[in-house]
Amino acid sequence: MMEIQWGQPVVLITPHDGEAERFGTIEKARYWLRRKWPVSDNARNTALRQVEAAMDCMQPVEEARNAFLVAALSAGFVAARAI
């Protein structure tokens, strides 16, 4: 399977344990949104739809990345510098 890079990696500090998690591909973002996301809210649902649409080449990856960042802030993640 080919991984889709989405530019500069996003590093987020998880809300529960304070661990840094690096998101460098859209596949990892999708996995987290589906399996490890701490809340299920509208921002998460929107991000998941946009990530999956980008994976199917139906919309730009940048839009999915932005929706992912909005969902992350909504879920209590804190953005950090890329590592």
Protein backbone atom coordinates (compact mmCIF):
# COMPACT_ATOMS: atom_id res chain seq x y z
CA MET A 1 0.00 0.00 0.00
CA MET A 2 1.25 3.46 -0.87
CA GLU A 3 1.24 5.98 1.95
CA ILE A 4 0.05 9.51 1.23
CA GLN A 5 2.36 12.15 2.70
CA TRP A 6 0.59 15.32 3.70
CA GLY A 7 3.43 17.78 4.05
CA GLN A 8 5.17 18.76 7.27
CA PRO A 9 4.36 16.21 9.98
CA VAL A 10 1.89 17.25 12.65
CA VAL A 11 2.97 16.57 16.22
CA LEU A 12 0.22 16.51 18.82
CA ILE A 13 0.39 16.10 22.57
CA THR A 14 -2.29 13.64 23.63
CA PRO A 15 -4.84 14.94 26.13
CA HIS A 16 -4.78 12.00 28.53
CA ASP A 17 -1.15 11.05 28.96
CA GLY A 18 0.77 14.00 27.52
CA GLU A 19 2.64 11.83 25.01
CA ALA A 20 3.77 13.33 21.71
CA GLU A 21 2.35 11.63 18.65
CA ARG A 22 3.68 12.35 15.15
CA PHE A 23 1.30 12.30 12.15
CA GLY A 24 3.21 12.24 8.88
CA THR A 25 0.74 10.38 6.66
CA ILE A 26 -2.97 10.55 6.05
CA GLU A 27 -3.23 6.82 6.81
CA LYS A 28 -2.05 7.36 10.38
CA ALA A 29 -4.49 10.24 10.81
CA ARG A 30 -7.33 8.00 9.60
CA TYR A 31 -6.30 5.17 11.92
CA TRP A 32 -6.28 7.50 14.92
CA LEU A 33 -9.61 9.10 13.99
CA ARG A 34 -11.20 5.66 13.65
CA ARG A 35 -9.55 3.74 16.49
CA LYS A 36 -7.82 5.96 19.05
CA TRP A 37 -9.62 9.31 19.06
CA PRO A 38 -10.61 10.34 22.60
CA VAL A 39 -13.98 11.90 21.65
CA SER A 40 -16.61 11.33 19.00
CA ASP A 41 -17.87 14.76 18.06
CA ASN A 42 -18.80 16.62 14.88
CA ALA A 43 -15.22 17.81 14.32
CA ARG A 44 -13.94 14.23 14.43
CA ASN A 45 -16.67 13.00 12.09
CA THR A 46 -15.97 15.81 9.62
CA ALA A 47 -12.24 15.13 9.73
CA LEU A 48 -12.75 11.42 9.15
CA ARG A 49 -15.00 12.09 6.13
CA GLN A 50 -12.49 14.55 4.68
CA VAL A 51 -9.50 12.27 5.30
CA GLU A 52 -11.27 9.38 3.59
CA ALA A 53 -12.30 11.62 0.67
CA ALA A 54 -8.69 12.74 0.25
CA MET A 55 -7.54 9.12 0.32
CA ASP A 56 -9.98 8.46 -2.53
CA CYS A 57 -8.61 11.50 -4.45
CA MET A 58 -11.96 13.27 -4.11
CA GLN A 59 -10.57 16.37 -2.38
CA PRO A 60 -7.21 17.97 -1.62
CA VAL A 61 -5.10 16.45 1.13
CA GLU A 62 -4.59 19.94 2.58
CA GLU A 63 -8.31 20.23 3.35
CA ALA A 64 -8.23 16.89 5.15
CA ARG A 65 -5.15 17.97 7.10
CA ASN A 66 -6.89 21.19 8.19
CA ALA A 67 -10.01 19.28 9.27
CA PHE A 68 -7.77 16.87 11.22
CA LEU A 69 -6.15 19.79 13.05
CA VAL A 70 -9.55 21.28 13.92
CA ALA A 71 -10.68 17.90 15.27
CA ALA A 72 -7.47 17.56 17.28
CA LEU A 73 -7.97 20.92 18.98
CA SER A 74 -11.62 20.05 19.62
CA ALA A 75 -10.54 16.78 21.28
CA GLY A 76 -8.05 18.49 23.60
CA PHE A 77 -4.80 17.76 21.76
CA VAL A 78 -2.11 20.42 21.89
CA ALA A 79 -0.03 21.16 18.80
CA ALA A 80 3.74 20.87 19.21
CA ARG A 81 6.71 21.41 16.94
CA ALA A 82 7.50 18.63 14.49
CA ILE A 83 10.08 16.17 15.77
